[in-house]
Protein backbone atom coordinates (compact mmCIF):
# COMPACT_ATOMS: atom_id res chain seq x y z
CA UNK A 1 97.24 -57.79 -72.01
CA UNK A 2 98.38 -54.03 -71.95
CA UNK A 3 98.58 -51.79 -74.52
CA UNK A 4 101.90 -50.50 -75.86
CA UNK A 5 102.17 -46.60 -75.21
CA UNK A 6 101.43 -45.88 -78.95
CA UNK A 7 98.61 -48.11 -79.00
CA UNK A 8 96.90 -46.71 -76.03
CA UNK A 9 97.92 -43.14 -77.37
CA UNK A 10 95.96 -43.80 -80.33
CA UNK A 11 92.76 -45.35 -78.74
CA UNK A 12 92.64 -42.32 -76.83
CA UNK A 13 92.82 -40.22 -79.85
CA UNK A 14 89.97 -42.47 -81.53
CA UNK A 15 87.65 -42.10 -78.35
CA UNK A 16 88.14 -38.37 -78.38
CA UNK A 17 86.93 -38.28 -82.21
CA UNK A 18 84.20 -40.26 -81.49
CA UNK A 19 83.03 -37.93 -78.40
CA UNK A 20 83.79 -34.70 -80.77
CA UNK A 21 81.44 -36.51 -83.57
CA UNK A 22 78.67 -37.42 -81.19
CA UNK A 23 78.93 -33.72 -79.71
CA UNK A 24 78.51 -32.40 -82.74
CA UNK A 25 75.44 -34.61 -83.45
CA UNK A 26 74.02 -33.49 -80.04
CA UNK A 27 74.87 -29.66 -81.11
CA UNK A 28 73.34 -30.11 -84.48
CA UNK A 29 70.00 -31.57 -82.57
CA UNK A 30 70.07 -28.92 -80.06
CA UNK A 31 70.07 -26.33 -82.56
CA UNK A 32 67.32 -27.90 -84.70
CA UNK A 33 64.40 -28.86 -81.83
CA UNK A 34 65.79 -26.97 -78.70
CA UNK A 35 64.94 -30.29 -76.99
CA UNK A 36 66.21 -31.01 -73.62
CA UNK A 37 69.26 -33.29 -72.94
CA UNK A 38 67.06 -36.40 -72.32
CA UNK A 39 65.09 -35.82 -75.41
CA UNK A 40 67.68 -35.37 -77.72
CA UNK A 41 69.71 -38.17 -76.39
CA UNK A 42 66.75 -40.48 -76.87
CA UNK A 43 66.04 -39.38 -80.42
CA UNK A 44 69.57 -39.77 -81.57
CA UNK A 45 69.87 -43.61 -79.66
CA UNK A 46 67.34 -44.23 -82.55
CA UNK A 47 70.17 -44.69 -84.96
CA UNK A 48 72.47 -47.77 -85.52
CA UNK A 49 75.20 -44.84 -86.44
CA UNK A 50 75.04 -43.18 -83.21
CA UNK A 51 74.79 -46.24 -81.07
CA UNK A 52 77.86 -48.09 -82.97
CA UNK A 53 79.81 -44.56 -82.49
CA UNK A 54 79.05 -44.48 -78.54
CA UNK A 55 80.24 -48.17 -78.83
CA UNK A 56 83.20 -47.15 -80.08
CA UNK A 57 83.36 -44.19 -77.78
CA UNK A 58 83.38 -46.70 -74.77
CA UNK A 59 85.47 -49.34 -76.06
CA UNK A 60 88.26 -46.87 -77.05
CA UNK A 61 87.70 -44.83 -73.80
CA UNK A 62 88.18 -48.19 -71.74
CA UNK A 63 91.32 -48.99 -73.59
CA UNK A 64 92.84 -45.35 -73.42
CA UNK A 65 91.91 -44.82 -69.50
CA UNK A 66 92.88 -48.77 -68.37
CA UNK A 67 95.91 -49.30 -70.83
CA UNK A 68 94.30 -53.08 -71.53
CA UNK A 69 93.28 -54.35 -74.72
CA UNK A 70 90.11 -55.81 -75.65
CA UNK A 71 89.90 -59.15 -76.94
CA UNK A 72 90.65 -59.49 -80.41
CA UNK A 73 87.35 -61.05 -81.54
CA UNK A 74 85.60 -57.86 -80.04
CA UNK A 75 87.82 -55.63 -81.99
CA UNK A 76 87.45 -57.13 -85.18
CA UNK A 77 83.48 -56.94 -84.89
CA UNK A 78 84.05 -53.49 -83.87
CA UNK A 79 85.40 -52.94 -87.20
CA UNK A 80 83.02 -54.84 -88.92
CA UNK A 81 79.92 -52.52 -87.16
CA UNK A 82 81.60 -49.32 -87.60
CA UNK A 83 82.88 -49.63 -91.23
CA UNK A 84 79.33 -50.84 -92.19
CA UNK A 85 77.95 -47.78 -90.55
CA UNK A 86 80.17 -45.93 -93.13
CA UNK A 87 79.31 -47.88 -96.27
CA UNK A 88 75.76 -48.46 -95.55
CA UNK A 89 75.36 -44.53 -95.43
CA UNK A 90 77.19 -44.32 -98.66
CA UNK A 91 75.84 -46.84 -100.75
CA UNK A 92 72.14 -45.97 -99.29
CA UNK A 93 71.72 -42.57 -97.62
CA UNK A 94 74.24 -39.83 -98.49
CA UNK A 95 72.38 -39.11 -101.52
CA UNK A 96 69.47 -38.36 -99.69
CA UNK A 97 70.34 -35.19 -97.81
CA UNK A 98 73.02 -32.46 -98.36
CA UNK A 99 74.61 -31.48 -94.97
CA UNK A 100 76.11 -28.13 -94.18
CA UNK A 101 78.33 -26.56 -91.53
CA UNK A 102 78.47 -28.38 -88.55
CA UNK A 103 76.13 -30.82 -89.60
CA UNK A 104 78.24 -31.46 -92.63
CA UNK A 105 81.37 -32.20 -89.98
CA UNK A 106 79.12 -33.98 -87.75
CA UNK A 107 78.11 -36.25 -90.59
CA UNK A 108 81.70 -36.72 -91.61
CA UNK A 109 82.81 -37.61 -88.00
CA UNK A 110 80.23 -40.43 -87.06
CA UNK A 111 80.15 -41.77 -91.04
CA UNK A 112 83.85 -41.59 -92.24
CA UNK A 113 86.24 -40.26 -89.73
CA UNK A 114 85.68 -42.49 -86.75
CA UNK A 115 85.10 -45.52 -89.05
CA UNK A 116 88.48 -44.91 -90.74
CA UNK A 117 90.02 -44.56 -87.16
CA UNK A 118 88.76 -47.71 -85.80
CA UNK A 119 89.96 -49.65 -89.01
CA UNK A 120 93.64 -47.94 -88.67
CA UNK A 121 93.93 -48.69 -85.23
CA UNK A 122 93.32 -52.41 -85.61
CA UNK A 123 95.55 -52.49 -88.57
CA UNK A 124 98.55 -51.25 -86.45
CA UNK A 125 97.74 -52.59 -82.93
CA UNK A 126 95.14 -55.39 -82.79
CA UNK A 127 96.23 -58.72 -81.55
CA UNK A 128 97.47 -61.58 -83.22
CA UNK A 129 95.04 -64.24 -82.49
CA UNK A 130 93.68 -66.27 -85.03
CA UNK A 131 90.12 -65.55 -85.80
CA UNK A 132 87.35 -68.22 -86.32
CA UNK A 133 85.64 -69.18 -89.45
CA UNK A 134 82.28 -68.48 -87.77
CA UNK A 135 83.08 -65.22 -86.07
CA UNK A 136 81.62 -63.26 -88.97
CA UNK A 137 78.33 -64.90 -87.95
CA UNK A 138 78.67 -64.26 -84.11
CA UNK A 139 79.44 -60.74 -85.17
CA UNK A 140 75.69 -60.22 -86.48
CA UNK A 141 74.52 -60.28 -83.05
CA UNK A 142 75.14 -56.38 -82.74
CA UNK A 143 73.27 -55.45 -85.67
CA UNK A 144 70.31 -57.81 -85.37
CA UNK A 145 69.71 -57.01 -81.95
CA UNK A 146 69.80 -53.21 -83.15
CA UNK A 147 67.23 -54.38 -85.67
CA UNK A 148 64.75 -55.84 -82.89
CA UNK A 149 65.12 -52.73 -80.76
CA UNK A 150 64.66 -50.23 -83.73
CA UNK A 151 61.55 -52.15 -84.95
CA UNK A 152 60.37 -52.55 -81.36
CA UNK A 153 60.68 -48.85 -80.58
CA UNK A 154 59.23 -48.03 -83.98
CA UNK A 155 56.11 -49.89 -83.08
CA UNK A 156 55.57 -47.93 -80.08
CA UNK A 157 56.42 -44.47 -81.53
CA UNK A 158 55.71 -44.76 -85.12
CA UNK A 159 59.31 -43.44 -85.88
CA UNK A 160 61.28 -45.42 -88.20
CA UNK A 161 64.98 -44.41 -88.33
CA UNK A 162 65.74 -45.21 -91.72
CA UNK A 163 63.45 -45.55 -94.71
CA UNK A 164 64.77 -49.00 -95.90
CA UNK A 165 63.24 -50.39 -92.38
CA UNK A 166 59.92 -48.21 -92.72
CA UNK A 167 56.98 -50.67 -93.26
CA UNK A 168 54.88 -47.60 -94.15
CA UNK A 169 57.05 -47.35 -97.50
CA UNK A 170 57.79 -51.03 -97.76
CA UNK A 171 55.50 -54.16 -98.37
CA UNK A 172 56.55 -56.86 -95.95
CA UNK A 173 58.18 -58.90 -98.57
CA UNK A 174 60.62 -55.83 -99.30
CA UNK A 175 61.24 -55.21 -95.55
CA UNK A 176 62.13 -59.08 -95.10
CA UNK A 177 64.19 -58.59 -98.04
CA UNK A 178 66.16 -55.53 -96.79
CA UNK A 179 66.89 -56.96 -93.52
CA UNK A 180 68.11 -60.18 -95.41
CA UNK A 181 70.33 -58.11 -97.52
CA UNK A 182 71.54 -56.25 -94.50
CA UNK A 183 72.54 -59.17 -93.02
CA UNK A 184 74.10 -60.68 -95.66
CA UNK A 185 76.15 -57.36 -96.09
CA UNK A 186 77.36 -57.76 -92.38
CA UNK A 187 78.22 -61.06 -93.15
CA UNK A 188 80.06 -60.42 -96.09
CA UNK A 189 82.09 -57.86 -94.57
CA UNK A 190 82.63 -59.73 -91.70
CA UNK A 191 84.41 -62.65 -93.98
CA UNK A 192 86.25 -59.66 -95.96
CA UNK A 193 87.85 -58.89 -92.43
CA UNK A 194 88.76 -62.51 -91.74
CA UNK A 195 90.63 -62.78 -94.66
CA UNK A 196 92.41 -59.05 -93.93
CA UNK A 197 92.80 -60.38 -90.26
CA UNK A 198 95.04 -63.83 -91.71
CA UNK A 199 96.72 -61.60 -94.42
CA UNK A 200 97.96 -59.43 -91.53
CA UNK A 201 98.80 -62.22 -89.29
CA UNK A 202 100.90 -63.54 -91.89
CA UNK A 203 102.83 -60.30 -92.79
CA UNK A 204 103.20 -59.81 -89.22
CA UNK A 205 104.86 -63.43 -88.93
CA UNK A 206 106.79 -62.67 -91.97
CA UNK A 207 108.06 -59.43 -90.69
CA UNK A 208 109.08 -61.03 -87.23
CA UNK A 209 110.98 -64.04 -89.06
CA UNK A 210 112.79 -61.25 -91.03
CA UNK A 211 113.76 -59.34 -88.08
CA UNK A 212 115.14 -62.55 -86.11
CA UNK A 213 117.14 -63.35 -89.24
CA UNK A 214 119.22 -60.35 -89.24
CA UNK A 215 122.86 -60.33 -88.31
CA UNK A 216 122.96 -59.46 -84.63
CA UNK A 217 119.54 -60.21 -83.85
CA UNK A 218 118.80 -62.26 -80.52
CA UNK A 219 116.30 -65.23 -80.77
CA UNK A 220 115.46 -65.09 -76.97
């Protein structure tokens, strides 16, 4: 299904925001490490935040370039994943450091601006297909895949991306507990979005019915 011009324009704007946020993250890494492009990209790819923002860039860039809408379930799942980026950061990580200058702008971009842009696009332009009650469970596939990747990679190079996943700081029980709580959080966010999607759909139907009942409107 093709996107209406406003939806396509806003998709392009969201893709640009994601690109700028990731570019600033890259620039900060260059200034701090002086590493090569492959080294820095590989280092940044350790983080769920970076990978999910890159996924936003890919998905919204695709919509902007092709003018085609992605599936409603993928769009909703992407909202859950990128909003989780912001929520986990604010709840667990924000107090661990105080970014300044370009680092602050990059941090603001990947954790706040891009998540809000994706949510705004979804609220305004997402399709109207009814989501299934098991969709929030299906949406766990991305964070679970990331966890498997992050832990396997850390098992090789010894660098854990987040303190709540570091077995050097945590007991096995604490690590399992943290992973379980994270998955519970993702699932809860998914069900909140599912409720929001149904409310949104109901409001759209009411608006359509109200418009059809206006004098002079056509039912065709």
